N, C-alpha and C. Protein backbone atom coordinates (compact mmCIF):
# COMPACT_ATOMS: atom_id res chain seq x y z
N MET A 1 -1.17 -9.79 28.03
CA MET A 1 -1.07 -9.88 26.59
C MET A 1 -1.89 -8.76 25.94
N LYS A 2 -1.33 -8.13 24.92
CA LYS A 2 -2.01 -7.03 24.22
C LYS A 2 -3.11 -7.57 23.32
N ASN A 3 -4.22 -6.87 23.30
CA ASN A 3 -5.30 -7.23 22.39
C ASN A 3 -5.06 -6.51 21.07
N ARG A 4 -5.09 -7.28 19.97
CA ARG A 4 -4.82 -6.73 18.65
C ARG A 4 -6.02 -6.95 17.73
N CYS A 5 -5.97 -6.31 16.58
CA CYS A 5 -7.01 -6.47 15.56
C CYS A 5 -7.16 -7.94 15.18
N PHE A 6 -8.36 -8.30 14.76
CA PHE A 6 -8.73 -9.69 14.45
C PHE A 6 -7.83 -10.35 13.41
N TRP A 7 -7.24 -9.58 12.50
CA TRP A 7 -6.50 -10.18 11.39
C TRP A 7 -5.06 -10.55 11.73
N VAL A 8 -4.59 -10.13 12.88
CA VAL A 8 -3.20 -10.39 13.25
C VAL A 8 -3.04 -11.84 13.69
N SER A 9 -2.14 -12.56 13.05
CA SER A 9 -1.88 -13.96 13.38
C SER A 9 -0.78 -14.04 14.44
N GLU A 10 -0.34 -15.25 14.70
CA GLU A 10 0.75 -15.48 15.66
C GLU A 10 2.11 -15.11 15.07
N SER A 11 2.17 -14.87 13.77
CA SER A 11 3.42 -14.54 13.11
C SER A 11 4.02 -13.25 13.68
N GLN A 12 5.27 -13.33 14.09
CA GLN A 12 5.93 -12.14 14.63
C GLN A 12 6.01 -11.03 13.58
N LEU A 13 6.14 -11.42 12.32
CA LEU A 13 6.16 -10.46 11.22
C LEU A 13 4.85 -9.67 11.17
N TYR A 14 3.75 -10.39 11.30
CA TYR A 14 2.42 -9.76 11.31
C TYR A 14 2.24 -8.88 12.54
N ILE A 15 2.65 -9.39 13.69
CA ILE A 15 2.52 -8.63 14.95
C ILE A 15 3.31 -7.33 14.85
N ASP A 16 4.56 -7.41 14.39
CA ASP A 16 5.39 -6.21 14.25
C ASP A 16 4.79 -5.23 13.25
N TYR A 17 4.29 -5.76 12.13
CA TYR A 17 3.68 -4.89 11.12
C TYR A 17 2.47 -4.17 11.72
N HIS A 18 1.63 -4.90 12.40
CA HIS A 18 0.44 -4.30 13.02
C HIS A 18 0.83 -3.26 14.06
N ASP A 19 1.76 -3.61 14.93
CA ASP A 19 2.11 -2.75 16.06
C ASP A 19 2.90 -1.51 15.68
N LYS A 20 3.71 -1.60 14.62
CA LYS A 20 4.62 -0.51 14.29
C LYS A 20 4.28 0.26 13.02
N GLU A 21 3.51 -0.35 12.10
CA GLU A 21 3.29 0.31 10.82
C GLU A 21 1.83 0.53 10.45
N TRP A 22 1.02 -0.52 10.50
CA TRP A 22 -0.34 -0.47 9.97
C TRP A 22 -1.16 0.62 10.66
N GLY A 23 -1.69 1.50 9.84
CA GLY A 23 -2.54 2.56 10.37
C GLY A 23 -1.79 3.79 10.86
N GLU A 24 -0.47 3.74 10.83
CA GLU A 24 0.31 4.92 11.22
C GLU A 24 0.37 5.87 10.02
N PRO A 25 0.01 7.13 10.19
CA PRO A 25 0.02 8.06 9.06
C PRO A 25 1.41 8.20 8.43
N VAL A 26 1.45 8.02 7.12
CA VAL A 26 2.69 8.11 6.34
C VAL A 26 2.55 9.28 5.38
N TYR A 27 3.49 10.23 5.46
CA TYR A 27 3.46 11.40 4.58
C TYR A 27 4.68 11.45 3.66
N ASP A 28 5.59 10.50 3.84
CA ASP A 28 6.83 10.45 3.08
C ASP A 28 6.58 9.74 1.74
N ASP A 29 6.93 10.41 0.63
CA ASP A 29 6.67 9.85 -0.70
C ASP A 29 7.33 8.49 -0.92
N ALA A 30 8.53 8.30 -0.42
CA ALA A 30 9.22 7.03 -0.64
C ALA A 30 8.44 5.88 0.01
N THR A 31 7.97 6.08 1.22
CA THR A 31 7.21 5.04 1.91
C THR A 31 5.83 4.87 1.28
N LEU A 32 5.22 5.96 0.87
CA LEU A 32 3.92 5.87 0.19
C LEU A 32 4.05 5.05 -1.09
N PHE A 33 5.16 5.24 -1.80
CA PHE A 33 5.38 4.48 -3.02
C PHE A 33 5.60 3.00 -2.70
N GLU A 34 6.40 2.71 -1.68
CA GLU A 34 6.63 1.31 -1.30
C GLU A 34 5.30 0.61 -1.03
N PHE A 35 4.44 1.23 -0.24
CA PHE A 35 3.16 0.61 0.07
C PHE A 35 2.28 0.49 -1.18
N LEU A 36 2.35 1.46 -2.06
CA LEU A 36 1.57 1.37 -3.29
C LEU A 36 1.99 0.14 -4.10
N ILE A 37 3.28 -0.06 -4.24
CA ILE A 37 3.77 -1.21 -4.99
C ILE A 37 3.44 -2.52 -4.27
N LEU A 38 3.67 -2.56 -2.98
CA LEU A 38 3.37 -3.79 -2.24
C LEU A 38 1.89 -4.13 -2.30
N GLU A 39 1.03 -3.13 -2.16
CA GLU A 39 -0.42 -3.39 -2.23
C GLU A 39 -0.83 -3.86 -3.62
N THR A 40 -0.22 -3.30 -4.67
CA THR A 40 -0.59 -3.75 -6.01
C THR A 40 -0.14 -5.19 -6.26
N PHE A 41 0.99 -5.58 -5.70
CA PHE A 41 1.43 -6.96 -5.83
C PHE A 41 0.58 -7.89 -4.98
N GLN A 42 0.01 -7.38 -3.90
CA GLN A 42 -0.80 -8.19 -3.01
C GLN A 42 -2.14 -8.56 -3.63
N ALA A 43 -2.62 -7.81 -4.60
CA ALA A 43 -3.94 -8.06 -5.21
C ALA A 43 -4.11 -9.55 -5.52
N GLY A 44 -5.12 -10.15 -4.90
CA GLY A 44 -5.41 -11.57 -5.11
C GLY A 44 -4.62 -12.51 -4.23
N LEU A 45 -3.73 -11.98 -3.41
CA LEU A 45 -2.90 -12.80 -2.52
C LEU A 45 -3.10 -12.36 -1.08
N SER A 46 -2.52 -13.10 -0.15
CA SER A 46 -2.60 -12.70 1.27
C SER A 46 -1.49 -11.69 1.59
N TRP A 47 -1.75 -10.83 2.54
CA TRP A 47 -0.77 -9.83 2.93
C TRP A 47 0.46 -10.47 3.56
N ILE A 48 0.28 -11.59 4.26
CA ILE A 48 1.43 -12.24 4.88
C ILE A 48 2.41 -12.73 3.80
N THR A 49 1.90 -13.11 2.63
CA THR A 49 2.77 -13.50 1.52
C THR A 49 3.67 -12.34 1.13
N ILE A 50 3.09 -11.15 1.07
CA ILE A 50 3.85 -9.96 0.72
C ILE A 50 4.84 -9.61 1.82
N LEU A 51 4.40 -9.66 3.08
CA LEU A 51 5.31 -9.35 4.19
C LEU A 51 6.50 -10.31 4.19
N ASN A 52 6.24 -11.57 3.92
CA ASN A 52 7.33 -12.56 3.89
C ASN A 52 8.33 -12.28 2.77
N LYS A 53 7.89 -11.63 1.71
CA LYS A 53 8.76 -11.33 0.57
C LYS A 53 9.20 -9.86 0.52
N ARG A 54 8.84 -9.09 1.52
CA ARG A 54 9.10 -7.64 1.49
C ARG A 54 10.56 -7.30 1.30
N GLU A 55 11.44 -7.95 2.03
CA GLU A 55 12.87 -7.66 1.89
C GLU A 55 13.37 -8.03 0.49
N ASN A 56 12.85 -9.11 -0.06
CA ASN A 56 13.21 -9.49 -1.42
C ASN A 56 12.74 -8.43 -2.41
N PHE A 57 11.52 -7.92 -2.20
CA PHE A 57 11.01 -6.85 -3.04
C PHE A 57 11.91 -5.62 -2.95
N ARG A 58 12.32 -5.30 -1.74
CA ARG A 58 13.19 -4.11 -1.56
C ARG A 58 14.48 -4.26 -2.36
N LYS A 59 15.09 -5.44 -2.29
CA LYS A 59 16.33 -5.67 -3.05
C LYS A 59 16.06 -5.64 -4.54
N ALA A 60 15.05 -6.36 -4.98
CA ALA A 60 14.76 -6.48 -6.41
C ALA A 60 14.38 -5.14 -7.04
N PHE A 61 13.67 -4.31 -6.28
CA PHE A 61 13.18 -3.03 -6.79
C PHE A 61 13.97 -1.83 -6.25
N ASP A 62 15.27 -2.00 -6.08
CA ASP A 62 16.14 -0.89 -5.68
C ASP A 62 15.58 -0.09 -4.50
N HIS A 63 15.15 -0.81 -3.48
CA HIS A 63 14.60 -0.19 -2.27
C HIS A 63 13.45 0.77 -2.59
N PHE A 64 12.67 0.39 -3.60
CA PHE A 64 11.49 1.14 -4.03
C PHE A 64 11.82 2.57 -4.45
N ASN A 65 12.99 2.74 -5.03
CA ASN A 65 13.38 4.05 -5.57
C ASN A 65 12.59 4.27 -6.86
N TYR A 66 11.53 5.05 -6.77
CA TYR A 66 10.63 5.21 -7.92
C TYR A 66 11.30 5.88 -9.11
N GLU A 67 12.30 6.72 -8.88
CA GLU A 67 13.01 7.33 -10.01
C GLU A 67 13.78 6.28 -10.79
N LYS A 68 14.42 5.34 -10.09
CA LYS A 68 15.13 4.25 -10.76
C LYS A 68 14.15 3.31 -11.45
N ILE A 69 13.09 2.95 -10.73
CA ILE A 69 12.11 2.00 -11.28
C ILE A 69 11.47 2.55 -12.55
N ALA A 70 11.20 3.84 -12.56
CA ALA A 70 10.59 4.48 -13.74
C ALA A 70 11.47 4.34 -14.98
N MET A 71 12.76 4.12 -14.78
CA MET A 71 13.71 4.02 -15.89
C MET A 71 14.14 2.57 -16.19
N TYR A 72 13.49 1.60 -15.57
CA TYR A 72 13.88 0.21 -15.79
C TYR A 72 13.85 -0.15 -17.27
N SER A 73 14.87 -0.87 -17.67
CA SER A 73 15.00 -1.34 -19.05
C SER A 73 14.27 -2.67 -19.22
N ASP A 74 14.19 -3.12 -20.45
CA ASP A 74 13.61 -4.44 -20.74
C ASP A 74 14.42 -5.54 -20.06
N GLU A 75 15.74 -5.35 -19.98
CA GLU A 75 16.61 -6.33 -19.33
C GLU A 75 16.28 -6.43 -17.84
N LYS A 76 16.06 -5.31 -17.21
CA LYS A 76 15.73 -5.31 -15.78
C LYS A 76 14.37 -5.98 -15.57
N TYR A 77 13.43 -5.68 -16.44
CA TYR A 77 12.11 -6.32 -16.38
C TYR A 77 12.26 -7.84 -16.48
N GLU A 78 13.06 -8.30 -17.43
CA GLU A 78 13.28 -9.74 -17.60
C GLU A 78 13.94 -10.35 -16.38
N SER A 79 14.88 -9.63 -15.77
CA SER A 79 15.54 -10.17 -14.57
C SER A 79 14.55 -10.26 -13.41
N LEU A 80 13.62 -9.33 -13.32
CA LEU A 80 12.60 -9.39 -12.27
C LEU A 80 11.70 -10.61 -12.47
N LEU A 81 11.41 -10.94 -13.72
CA LEU A 81 10.58 -12.12 -14.00
C LEU A 81 11.26 -13.41 -13.54
N GLN A 82 12.58 -13.39 -13.43
CA GLN A 82 13.34 -14.57 -13.02
C GLN A 82 13.61 -14.61 -11.51
N ASP A 83 13.24 -13.55 -10.80
CA ASP A 83 13.55 -13.42 -9.37
C ASP A 83 12.52 -14.19 -8.53
N ALA A 84 12.92 -15.35 -8.03
CA ALA A 84 12.01 -16.20 -7.24
C ALA A 84 11.66 -15.58 -5.89
N GLY A 85 12.36 -14.54 -5.49
CA GLY A 85 12.10 -13.91 -4.20
C GLY A 85 10.90 -12.98 -4.19
N ILE A 86 10.37 -12.66 -5.38
CA ILE A 86 9.22 -11.75 -5.47
C ILE A 86 8.06 -12.48 -6.15
N ILE A 87 6.95 -11.79 -6.30
CA ILE A 87 5.82 -12.31 -7.06
C ILE A 87 6.14 -12.08 -8.53
N ARG A 88 6.29 -13.15 -9.29
CA ARG A 88 6.73 -13.04 -10.68
C ARG A 88 5.53 -12.99 -11.63
N ASN A 89 4.74 -11.97 -11.47
CA ASN A 89 3.58 -11.77 -12.32
C ASN A 89 3.94 -10.71 -13.35
N LYS A 90 3.89 -11.07 -14.62
CA LYS A 90 4.31 -10.16 -15.70
C LYS A 90 3.58 -8.83 -15.64
N LEU A 91 2.26 -8.89 -15.49
CA LEU A 91 1.47 -7.66 -15.50
C LEU A 91 1.76 -6.78 -14.28
N LYS A 92 1.95 -7.42 -13.13
CA LYS A 92 2.23 -6.64 -11.92
C LYS A 92 3.62 -5.99 -11.98
N ILE A 93 4.59 -6.70 -12.54
CA ILE A 93 5.93 -6.13 -12.68
C ILE A 93 5.89 -4.95 -13.66
N LYS A 94 5.22 -5.15 -14.79
CA LYS A 94 5.08 -4.05 -15.76
C LYS A 94 4.36 -2.86 -15.12
N SER A 95 3.33 -3.15 -14.33
CA SER A 95 2.58 -2.06 -13.70
C SER A 95 3.43 -1.32 -12.67
N ALA A 96 4.32 -2.03 -11.98
CA ALA A 96 5.20 -1.35 -11.01
C ALA A 96 6.06 -0.31 -11.71
N ILE A 97 6.56 -0.67 -12.89
CA ILE A 97 7.39 0.26 -13.66
C ILE A 97 6.54 1.44 -14.15
N ARG A 98 5.39 1.13 -14.71
CA ARG A 98 4.51 2.19 -15.21
C ARG A 98 3.99 3.06 -14.06
N ASN A 99 3.62 2.45 -12.95
CA ASN A 99 3.14 3.22 -11.81
C ASN A 99 4.22 4.13 -11.25
N ALA A 100 5.48 3.72 -11.33
CA ALA A 100 6.59 4.60 -10.90
C ALA A 100 6.66 5.83 -11.79
N GLN A 101 6.48 5.63 -13.08
CA GLN A 101 6.49 6.77 -14.02
C GLN A 101 5.33 7.72 -13.72
N LEU A 102 4.18 7.16 -13.46
CA LEU A 102 3.00 7.97 -13.17
C LEU A 102 3.10 8.64 -11.80
N PHE A 103 3.75 7.97 -10.86
CA PHE A 103 4.00 8.53 -9.53
C PHE A 103 4.80 9.83 -9.68
N LEU A 104 5.81 9.80 -10.56
CA LEU A 104 6.61 11.00 -10.83
C LEU A 104 5.75 12.11 -11.45
N ASP A 105 4.83 11.72 -12.33
CA ASP A 105 3.92 12.71 -12.93
C ASP A 105 3.06 13.38 -11.86
N VAL A 106 2.54 12.58 -10.93
CA VAL A 106 1.72 13.13 -9.84
C VAL A 106 2.55 14.06 -8.97
N GLN A 107 3.78 13.66 -8.68
CA GLN A 107 4.67 14.53 -7.90
C GLN A 107 4.86 15.87 -8.59
N GLN A 108 5.07 15.82 -9.88
CA GLN A 108 5.29 17.06 -10.63
C GLN A 108 4.05 17.94 -10.60
N GLU A 109 2.90 17.33 -10.74
CA GLU A 109 1.65 18.08 -10.76
C GLU A 109 1.27 18.67 -9.40
N PHE A 110 1.49 17.91 -8.32
CA PHE A 110 1.02 18.32 -7.00
C PHE A 110 2.13 18.75 -6.04
N GLY A 111 3.38 18.59 -6.44
CA GLY A 111 4.49 18.93 -5.55
C GLY A 111 5.00 17.70 -4.80
N SER A 112 4.10 16.77 -4.51
CA SER A 112 4.45 15.49 -3.90
C SER A 112 3.26 14.55 -4.06
N PHE A 113 3.55 13.27 -4.02
CA PHE A 113 2.46 12.29 -4.04
C PHE A 113 1.67 12.40 -2.75
N SER A 114 2.37 12.69 -1.66
CA SER A 114 1.73 12.84 -0.36
C SER A 114 0.64 13.91 -0.39
N LYS A 115 0.94 15.06 -0.97
CA LYS A 115 -0.07 16.13 -1.06
C LYS A 115 -1.29 15.65 -1.83
N PHE A 116 -1.04 14.94 -2.92
CA PHE A 116 -2.12 14.43 -3.75
C PHE A 116 -3.00 13.44 -2.98
N ILE A 117 -2.38 12.40 -2.41
CA ILE A 117 -3.17 11.32 -1.80
C ILE A 117 -3.84 11.76 -0.51
N TRP A 118 -3.13 12.56 0.29
CA TRP A 118 -3.71 13.00 1.56
C TRP A 118 -4.78 14.07 1.38
N SER A 119 -4.84 14.69 0.22
CA SER A 119 -5.90 15.69 -0.02
C SER A 119 -7.28 15.03 0.00
N TYR A 120 -7.34 13.75 -0.25
CA TYR A 120 -8.62 13.03 -0.22
C TYR A 120 -9.23 12.97 1.18
N VAL A 121 -8.40 13.10 2.19
CA VAL A 121 -8.89 13.06 3.58
C VAL A 121 -8.55 14.36 4.32
N ALA A 122 -8.37 15.43 3.57
CA ALA A 122 -8.05 16.75 4.14
C ALA A 122 -6.83 16.67 5.06
N GLU A 123 -5.82 15.87 4.65
CA GLU A 123 -4.54 15.72 5.36
C GLU A 123 -4.67 15.13 6.76
N LYS A 124 -5.83 14.55 7.09
CA LYS A 124 -6.05 14.05 8.45
C LYS A 124 -6.70 12.67 8.38
N PRO A 125 -6.17 11.71 9.14
CA PRO A 125 -6.74 10.36 9.09
C PRO A 125 -8.22 10.32 9.48
N ILE A 126 -8.95 9.46 8.82
CA ILE A 126 -10.33 9.17 9.19
C ILE A 126 -10.27 8.09 10.26
N VAL A 127 -10.85 8.35 11.43
CA VAL A 127 -10.84 7.38 12.52
C VAL A 127 -12.20 6.70 12.57
N ASN A 128 -12.19 5.41 12.27
CA ASN A 128 -13.42 4.63 12.32
C ASN A 128 -13.59 3.97 13.68
N THR A 129 -14.78 3.52 13.97
CA THR A 129 -15.06 2.89 15.26
C THR A 129 -15.66 1.51 15.04
N PHE A 130 -14.89 0.66 14.41
CA PHE A 130 -15.35 -0.70 14.15
C PHE A 130 -15.09 -1.57 15.36
N HIS A 131 -16.09 -2.36 15.71
CA HIS A 131 -15.98 -3.25 16.87
C HIS A 131 -15.66 -4.69 16.46
N LYS A 132 -16.18 -5.10 15.29
CA LYS A 132 -16.04 -6.48 14.85
C LYS A 132 -15.54 -6.54 13.41
N ARG A 133 -14.98 -7.69 13.07
CA ARG A 133 -14.47 -7.96 11.72
C ARG A 133 -15.50 -7.63 10.65
N GLU A 134 -16.75 -8.01 10.88
CA GLU A 134 -17.82 -7.83 9.90
C GLU A 134 -18.08 -6.37 9.57
N GLU A 135 -17.71 -5.48 10.44
CA GLU A 135 -17.97 -4.05 10.22
C GLU A 135 -16.92 -3.39 9.33
N VAL A 136 -15.74 -3.97 9.24
CA VAL A 136 -14.65 -3.37 8.48
C VAL A 136 -14.91 -3.60 6.98
N PRO A 137 -15.04 -2.52 6.21
CA PRO A 137 -15.35 -2.68 4.79
C PRO A 137 -14.12 -3.06 3.97
N ALA A 138 -14.38 -3.63 2.80
CA ALA A 138 -13.31 -3.93 1.85
C ALA A 138 -13.10 -2.73 0.93
N THR A 139 -14.16 -1.95 0.74
CA THR A 139 -14.11 -0.74 -0.08
C THR A 139 -15.04 0.30 0.53
N THR A 140 -14.83 1.54 0.13
CA THR A 140 -15.72 2.62 0.54
C THR A 140 -15.92 3.54 -0.67
N ALA A 141 -16.83 4.47 -0.54
CA ALA A 141 -17.02 5.44 -1.62
C ALA A 141 -15.73 6.21 -1.88
N LEU A 142 -14.96 6.47 -0.83
CA LEU A 142 -13.70 7.20 -0.98
C LEU A 142 -12.65 6.35 -1.70
N SER A 143 -12.55 5.06 -1.36
CA SER A 143 -11.58 4.21 -2.07
C SER A 143 -12.01 4.04 -3.53
N ASP A 144 -13.32 4.04 -3.78
CA ASP A 144 -13.82 4.01 -5.17
C ASP A 144 -13.33 5.25 -5.93
N LYS A 145 -13.45 6.39 -5.28
CA LYS A 145 -13.08 7.68 -5.90
C LYS A 145 -11.57 7.74 -6.20
N ILE A 146 -10.76 7.33 -5.21
CA ILE A 146 -9.30 7.35 -5.40
C ILE A 146 -8.91 6.38 -6.50
N SER A 147 -9.49 5.19 -6.48
CA SER A 147 -9.22 4.19 -7.51
C SER A 147 -9.54 4.73 -8.90
N LYS A 148 -10.69 5.33 -9.02
CA LYS A 148 -11.12 5.87 -10.32
C LYS A 148 -10.16 6.96 -10.80
N ASP A 149 -9.73 7.82 -9.89
CA ASP A 149 -8.80 8.90 -10.25
C ASP A 149 -7.46 8.33 -10.69
N LEU A 150 -6.93 7.37 -9.93
CA LEU A 150 -5.63 6.78 -10.29
C LEU A 150 -5.72 6.03 -11.61
N LYS A 151 -6.79 5.30 -11.83
CA LYS A 151 -6.97 4.57 -13.09
C LYS A 151 -7.05 5.55 -14.26
N LYS A 152 -7.74 6.66 -14.05
CA LYS A 152 -7.85 7.68 -15.10
C LYS A 152 -6.46 8.23 -15.46
N ARG A 153 -5.57 8.27 -14.48
CA ARG A 153 -4.20 8.74 -14.70
C ARG A 153 -3.32 7.65 -15.32
N GLY A 154 -3.83 6.42 -15.40
CA GLY A 154 -3.09 5.33 -16.03
C GLY A 154 -2.54 4.28 -15.08
N PHE A 155 -2.68 4.48 -13.76
CA PHE A 155 -2.18 3.51 -12.79
C PHE A 155 -2.90 2.18 -12.97
N LYS A 156 -2.18 1.09 -12.69
CA LYS A 156 -2.72 -0.26 -12.81
C LYS A 156 -2.74 -0.96 -11.45
N PHE A 157 -3.62 -1.94 -11.32
CA PHE A 157 -3.79 -2.72 -10.08
C PHE A 157 -4.13 -1.82 -8.90
N VAL A 158 -4.96 -0.83 -9.14
CA VAL A 158 -5.36 0.11 -8.09
C VAL A 158 -6.88 0.12 -7.95
N GLY A 159 -7.48 -1.09 -7.95
CA GLY A 159 -8.91 -1.19 -7.74
C GLY A 159 -9.30 -0.69 -6.36
N SER A 160 -10.57 -0.56 -6.13
CA SER A 160 -11.06 0.01 -4.87
C SER A 160 -10.62 -0.80 -3.65
N THR A 161 -10.61 -2.13 -3.75
CA THR A 161 -10.19 -2.95 -2.61
C THR A 161 -8.71 -2.72 -2.31
N VAL A 162 -7.89 -2.67 -3.34
CA VAL A 162 -6.45 -2.40 -3.17
C VAL A 162 -6.27 -1.02 -2.55
N MET A 163 -7.03 -0.05 -3.03
CA MET A 163 -6.86 1.30 -2.51
C MET A 163 -7.34 1.43 -1.06
N TYR A 164 -8.37 0.69 -0.69
CA TYR A 164 -8.79 0.76 0.72
C TYR A 164 -7.73 0.13 1.62
N ALA A 165 -7.16 -1.00 1.18
CA ALA A 165 -6.07 -1.61 1.95
C ALA A 165 -4.88 -0.65 2.04
N TYR A 166 -4.63 0.08 0.97
CA TYR A 166 -3.55 1.08 0.96
C TYR A 166 -3.86 2.19 1.97
N MET A 167 -5.09 2.68 1.96
CA MET A 167 -5.49 3.73 2.89
C MET A 167 -5.31 3.28 4.34
N GLN A 168 -5.63 2.01 4.61
CA GLN A 168 -5.43 1.46 5.95
C GLN A 168 -3.94 1.39 6.29
N ALA A 169 -3.16 0.88 5.36
CA ALA A 169 -1.73 0.67 5.60
C ALA A 169 -1.01 1.97 5.89
N VAL A 170 -1.33 3.04 5.13
CA VAL A 170 -0.60 4.30 5.28
C VAL A 170 -1.29 5.26 6.24
N GLY A 171 -2.31 4.78 6.94
CA GLY A 171 -2.93 5.59 8.00
C GLY A 171 -3.90 6.65 7.53
N MET A 172 -4.32 6.61 6.28
CA MET A 172 -5.34 7.57 5.84
C MET A 172 -6.66 7.28 6.54
N VAL A 173 -6.86 6.00 6.88
CA VAL A 173 -7.97 5.60 7.73
C VAL A 173 -7.38 4.80 8.89
N ASN A 174 -7.93 4.99 10.06
CA ASN A 174 -7.52 4.22 11.23
C ASN A 174 -8.61 3.18 11.45
N ASP A 175 -8.33 1.95 11.05
CA ASP A 175 -9.30 0.88 11.17
C ASP A 175 -8.93 -0.13 12.25
N HIS A 176 -8.09 0.28 13.20
CA HIS A 176 -7.88 -0.60 14.35
C HIS A 176 -9.23 -0.74 15.04
N THR A 177 -9.61 -1.97 15.35
CA THR A 177 -10.89 -2.16 16.01
C THR A 177 -10.83 -1.59 17.43
N THR A 178 -11.99 -1.26 17.96
CA THR A 178 -12.05 -0.54 19.24
C THR A 178 -11.46 -1.34 20.39
N ASP A 179 -11.35 -2.67 20.25
CA ASP A 179 -10.77 -3.48 21.31
C ASP A 179 -9.25 -3.65 21.17
N CYS A 180 -8.68 -3.08 20.12
CA CYS A 180 -7.24 -3.19 19.86
C CYS A 180 -6.49 -2.14 20.68
N PHE A 181 -5.33 -2.51 21.18
CA PHE A 181 -4.54 -1.56 21.97
C PHE A 181 -4.07 -0.37 21.16
N LYS A 182 -4.07 -0.49 19.83
CA LYS A 182 -3.63 0.62 18.96
C LYS A 182 -4.78 1.58 18.63
N TYR A 183 -6.00 1.22 18.97
CA TYR A 183 -7.14 2.07 18.65
C TYR A 183 -7.05 3.37 19.45
N SER A 184 -7.34 4.43 18.76
CA SER A 184 -7.34 5.75 19.41
C SER A 184 -8.32 6.63 18.65
N LYS A 185 -9.01 7.51 19.35
CA LYS A 185 -9.98 8.40 18.71
C LYS A 185 -9.34 9.72 18.24
N LYS A 186 -8.03 9.71 18.07
CA LYS A 186 -7.31 10.93 17.67
C LYS A 186 -7.96 11.62 16.50
């Protein structure tokens, strides 16, 4: 049996997410946007809740097409509020639309969102050497900095804890614990 990070449950969804996605460097803007939206919806909830609703989110939000989301009408917003398959939080839905608009602004300014976000780690993942759950931080000075920058640009639901989880998810930091089969000192 493979040894995995402490947070992985018996859920096959969690196992697959851990084994195939979490901590893998993502440079594609579409995937970076998907994780940004999912992480913002996760604020205050468990990640397994989001994973269980991920396919519903994909359908409801046009497969996370940020150009389409940026143009959502009031009618589309209202239909999202009625969609039981997603998290029906008014502020989070509004922020997804606004964050899509701001995502486009960042792309225009930097050439891609990927160039912008990965510049914080010099385009290379930070590899940590955590042995136990207690060592893994919820925030860091870097997640504080990214959060502050995104908030200054108008992004919502991008607090430091959300941004650190985002950094972990998209592989900007490798926080697989040293006893996990996915851990590597790359």
